[in-house]
């Protein structure tokens, strides 16, 4: 049968059909985070095992999803949404701070979120790799959102006279790869450092990109042509619509 099975409608136990459906979906995703992000991993998980872990039936699974890949796709988006929300919240709280403090606040917010549960890191950086062309496209699309954020922040820093003017897209792409790799290695126990030390190193890397050694930094109080006052705040970029 093409598509999902039809979900029941009407009110039952004081809850609407939509509320029951949302609850089932949450239970499947919670169970999937445990199975995909830990043992046995996405590729060794079956619909029956996931349904059992969620304390639901396989029929209920097919009322919510077509395949396990659909579950992995939904969970990957959810994990990224959590991290994105944390980063934008930190970004909002750092409005008006100097570049180094602003970058540190953003990365501490992001890193604290993604490392709070090692299963999220494994799912985002390991389990989703190589599953299908569809999920690879989704993974790269979400990475592009982080690249865009770095580029937006870099452009704003240039306008404030805090960074060298250049096209930052290639550097931002390489930097995001470094962020992902370092956080994964740290979470796996391969890096002997505290999370604060990891974040500090990432901030130093980013500042090195934005302020190369051969860049003649403007004198204090200098204002680039067309830019607002030095240190002036900027509207916080909104997260792209989901």
Protein backbone atom coordinates (compact mmCIF):
# COMPACT_ATOMS: atom_id res chain seq x y z
CA UNK A 1 0.00 0.00 0.00
CA UNK A 2 1.39 3.39 -0.96
CA UNK A 3 1.60 5.98 1.79
CA UNK A 4 0.80 5.71 5.46
CA UNK A 5 -2.09 3.89 7.02
CA UNK A 6 -5.01 6.11 7.95
CA UNK A 7 -4.83 7.30 11.54
CA UNK A 8 -7.93 7.10 13.73
CA UNK A 9 -10.00 10.26 14.21
CA UNK A 10 -12.22 11.57 17.00
CA UNK A 11 -11.71 12.15 20.73
CA UNK A 12 -10.57 9.31 23.00
CA UNK A 13 -9.52 9.44 26.65
CA UNK A 14 -10.06 13.20 26.69
CA UNK A 15 -7.56 13.84 23.88
CA UNK A 16 -8.13 14.68 20.24
CA UNK A 17 -6.87 12.52 17.41
CA UNK A 18 -4.27 15.19 16.62
CA UNK A 19 -3.00 15.16 20.20
CA UNK A 20 -2.75 11.36 20.22
CA UNK A 21 -0.93 11.42 16.89
CA UNK A 22 1.57 14.01 18.14
CA UNK A 23 2.18 11.90 21.24
CA UNK A 24 2.80 8.75 19.16
CA UNK A 25 5.17 10.61 16.88
CA UNK A 26 7.10 11.97 19.87
CA UNK A 27 7.41 8.49 21.37
CA UNK A 28 8.73 7.06 18.10
CA UNK A 29 11.29 9.88 17.79
CA UNK A 30 12.37 9.54 21.43
CA UNK A 31 12.85 5.81 20.95
CA UNK A 32 14.70 6.37 17.67
CA UNK A 33 17.16 8.73 19.35
CA UNK A 34 18.04 5.93 21.75
CA UNK A 35 18.36 3.24 19.08
CA UNK A 36 19.88 5.27 16.23
CA UNK A 37 22.12 7.41 18.43
CA UNK A 38 23.38 4.59 20.63
CA UNK A 39 22.92 0.82 20.27
CA UNK A 40 22.35 -0.77 17.81
CA UNK A 41 22.46 2.25 15.45
CA UNK A 42 20.23 3.18 12.54
CA UNK A 43 21.31 0.46 10.13
CA UNK A 44 20.72 -2.35 12.63
CA UNK A 45 17.32 -1.11 13.84
CA UNK A 46 14.08 -2.63 12.57
CA UNK A 47 10.55 -1.26 12.55
CA UNK A 48 9.58 -3.94 15.06
CA UNK A 49 12.44 -3.02 17.41
CA UNK A 50 11.63 0.67 17.22
CA UNK A 51 7.94 0.05 17.84
CA UNK A 52 8.75 -2.12 20.84
CA UNK A 53 11.10 0.52 22.27
CA UNK A 54 8.35 3.14 21.86
CA UNK A 55 5.79 0.77 23.44
CA UNK A 56 3.67 1.09 20.32
CA UNK A 57 2.63 -1.28 17.54
CA UNK A 58 4.06 -1.59 14.04
CA UNK A 59 0.63 -0.59 12.75
CA UNK A 60 0.94 2.66 14.68
CA UNK A 61 4.41 3.13 13.18
CA UNK A 62 3.00 2.99 9.65
CA UNK A 63 0.31 5.47 10.63
CA UNK A 64 3.10 7.99 11.29
CA UNK A 65 5.95 7.05 8.94
CA UNK A 66 6.53 5.19 5.70
CA UNK A 67 10.05 3.93 6.45
CA UNK A 68 12.77 4.07 9.09
CA UNK A 69 14.58 6.53 6.84
CA UNK A 70 11.65 8.92 7.35
CA UNK A 71 12.19 8.63 11.10
CA UNK A 72 15.92 9.34 10.73
CA UNK A 73 15.17 12.35 8.54
CA UNK A 74 12.66 13.78 11.04
CA UNK A 75 15.01 13.16 13.96
CA UNK A 76 17.96 14.80 12.17
CA UNK A 77 15.86 17.92 11.57
CA UNK A 78 14.69 17.95 15.19
CA UNK A 79 18.23 17.71 16.57
CA UNK A 80 19.36 20.52 14.26
CA UNK A 81 16.38 22.63 15.27
CA UNK A 82 17.35 22.27 18.94
CA UNK A 83 20.93 23.36 18.20
CA UNK A 84 19.80 26.21 15.97
CA UNK A 85 17.43 27.52 18.63
CA UNK A 86 20.23 27.46 21.20
CA UNK A 87 22.61 29.30 18.88
CA UNK A 88 20.10 32.02 17.98
CA UNK A 89 19.16 32.46 21.62
CA UNK A 90 22.84 33.00 22.47
CA UNK A 91 23.16 35.31 19.48
CA UNK A 92 20.30 37.45 20.73
CA UNK A 93 21.82 37.65 24.20
CA UNK A 94 25.21 38.70 22.78
CA UNK A 95 23.86 41.63 20.77
CA UNK A 96 26.22 44.62 20.94
CA UNK A 97 29.18 42.69 22.41
CA UNK A 98 32.67 42.86 20.84
CA UNK A 99 33.33 40.25 18.16
CA UNK A 100 35.36 37.85 20.35
CA UNK A 101 32.76 37.86 23.14
CA UNK A 102 29.92 37.51 20.66
CA UNK A 103 31.53 34.53 18.93
CA UNK A 104 32.28 32.87 22.29
CA UNK A 105 28.67 33.26 23.44
CA UNK A 106 27.26 31.78 20.23
CA UNK A 107 29.58 28.77 20.26
CA UNK A 108 29.06 28.09 23.93
CA UNK A 109 25.31 28.05 23.37
CA UNK A 110 25.63 25.76 20.34
CA UNK A 111 28.22 23.43 21.87
CA UNK A 112 26.35 23.08 25.14
CA UNK A 113 23.26 21.99 23.24
CA UNK A 114 24.80 19.49 20.82
CA UNK A 115 27.05 17.90 23.45
CA UNK A 116 24.34 17.67 26.11
CA UNK A 117 23.38 14.28 24.67
CA UNK A 118 26.10 12.26 22.85
CA UNK A 119 23.36 10.48 20.90
CA UNK A 120 22.60 13.71 19.05
CA UNK A 121 26.21 14.00 17.88
CA UNK A 122 26.36 10.40 16.70
CA UNK A 123 23.09 10.74 14.85
CA UNK A 124 24.05 14.03 13.14
CA UNK A 125 27.70 13.31 12.37
CA UNK A 126 27.81 9.52 11.96
CA UNK A 127 24.52 7.69 11.46
CA UNK A 128 23.11 9.97 8.76
CA UNK A 129 26.23 9.78 6.57
CA UNK A 130 25.82 7.72 3.40
CA UNK A 131 22.25 6.57 4.04
CA UNK A 132 20.74 7.93 0.83
CA UNK A 133 20.97 10.79 -1.65
CA UNK A 134 17.88 12.31 -0.05
CA UNK A 135 19.40 12.43 3.43
CA UNK A 136 22.74 13.65 2.10
CA UNK A 137 20.91 16.55 0.49
CA UNK A 138 19.12 17.27 3.77
CA UNK A 139 22.38 17.08 5.75
CA UNK A 140 24.15 19.50 3.40
CA UNK A 141 21.15 21.84 3.38
CA UNK A 142 21.25 22.08 7.18
CA UNK A 143 25.02 22.60 7.11
CA UNK A 144 24.46 25.43 4.62
CA UNK A 145 22.30 27.20 7.20
CA UNK A 146 25.24 27.25 9.62
CA UNK A 147 27.54 28.49 6.86
CA UNK A 148 25.07 31.30 6.13
CA UNK A 149 25.03 32.27 9.81
CA UNK A 150 28.83 32.53 9.91
CA UNK A 151 28.82 34.59 6.70
CA UNK A 152 26.16 36.95 8.06
CA UNK A 153 28.11 37.47 11.27
CA UNK A 154 31.34 37.99 9.30
CA UNK A 155 29.72 40.57 7.04
CA UNK A 156 28.35 42.44 10.07
CA UNK A 157 31.81 42.37 11.69
CA UNK A 158 33.32 43.81 8.49
CA UNK A 159 30.74 46.61 8.54
CA UNK A 160 31.71 47.40 12.16
CA UNK A 161 35.41 47.44 11.29
CA UNK A 162 36.06 44.29 13.34
CA UNK A 163 37.02 41.95 10.47
CA UNK A 164 38.84 42.03 7.15
CA UNK A 165 36.63 42.50 4.07
CA UNK A 166 36.52 39.36 1.88
CA UNK A 167 34.22 36.64 0.60
CA UNK A 168 33.83 34.34 3.62
CA UNK A 169 31.75 31.51 2.15
CA UNK A 170 34.62 29.09 1.49
CA UNK A 171 36.26 29.82 4.84
CA UNK A 172 32.92 29.47 6.66
CA UNK A 173 32.31 26.09 5.01
CA UNK A 174 35.74 24.85 6.09
CA UNK A 175 35.22 26.23 9.59
CA UNK A 176 31.86 24.48 10.07
CA UNK A 177 33.53 21.21 9.07
CA UNK A 178 36.13 21.84 11.77
CA UNK A 179 33.42 22.58 14.35
CA UNK A 180 31.61 19.33 13.59
CA UNK A 181 34.77 17.25 13.58
CA UNK A 182 36.17 18.67 16.80
CA UNK A 183 32.90 18.36 18.72
CA UNK A 184 32.45 14.77 17.52
CA UNK A 185 36.02 13.85 18.53
CA UNK A 186 35.59 15.55 21.91
CA UNK A 187 32.30 13.77 22.55
CA UNK A 188 33.93 10.45 21.64
CA UNK A 189 36.70 10.98 24.19
CA UNK A 190 39.47 11.48 21.63
CA UNK A 191 40.24 15.05 22.70
CA UNK A 192 41.67 15.62 26.19
CA UNK A 193 40.13 19.00 26.94
CA UNK A 194 37.17 20.57 28.67
CA UNK A 195 34.24 21.80 26.61
CA UNK A 196 35.21 25.40 27.47
CA UNK A 197 38.69 24.74 26.10
CA UNK A 198 37.18 23.31 22.91
CA UNK A 199 34.97 26.37 22.50
CA UNK A 200 37.89 28.72 23.18
CA UNK A 201 39.91 26.98 20.46
CA UNK A 202 37.04 27.30 17.97
CA UNK A 203 36.72 31.01 18.78
CA UNK A 204 40.47 31.49 18.21
CA UNK A 205 40.15 29.70 14.86
CA UNK A 206 37.25 31.91 13.81
CA UNK A 207 39.00 35.12 14.88
CA UNK A 208 42.07 34.01 12.93
CA UNK A 209 39.88 33.70 9.83
CA UNK A 210 38.20 37.07 10.38
CA UNK A 211 41.39 38.88 11.37
CA UNK A 212 44.36 37.50 9.41
CA UNK A 213 47.85 38.52 10.54
CA UNK A 214 48.40 40.70 7.47
CA UNK A 215 45.15 42.65 7.96
CA UNK A 216 45.77 46.26 9.04
CA UNK A 217 43.08 46.64 11.70
CA UNK A 218 41.41 50.07 11.71
CA UNK A 219 42.36 52.54 14.41
CA UNK A 220 39.95 52.76 17.38
CA UNK A 221 36.92 54.82 16.46
CA UNK A 222 37.40 54.30 12.72
CA UNK A 223 34.15 53.75 10.89
CA UNK A 224 34.11 52.02 7.48
CA UNK A 225 32.33 53.93 4.76
CA UNK A 226 28.61 53.35 4.97
CA UNK A 227 28.83 51.50 8.28
CA UNK A 228 27.10 52.40 11.52
CA UNK A 229 28.94 53.52 14.65
CA UNK A 230 31.63 51.17 15.90
CA UNK A 231 30.12 48.69 18.35
CA UNK A 232 26.58 49.48 17.23
CA UNK A 233 24.19 46.57 17.51
CA UNK A 234 22.70 44.79 14.54
CA UNK A 235 19.36 43.14 14.10
CA UNK A 236 19.74 39.46 14.95
CA UNK A 237 19.36 37.35 11.79
CA UNK A 238 16.31 35.14 12.00
CA UNK A 239 16.57 31.40 11.63
CA UNK A 240 15.45 30.36 8.12
CA UNK A 241 11.84 29.26 7.88
CA UNK A 242 11.42 25.54 8.38
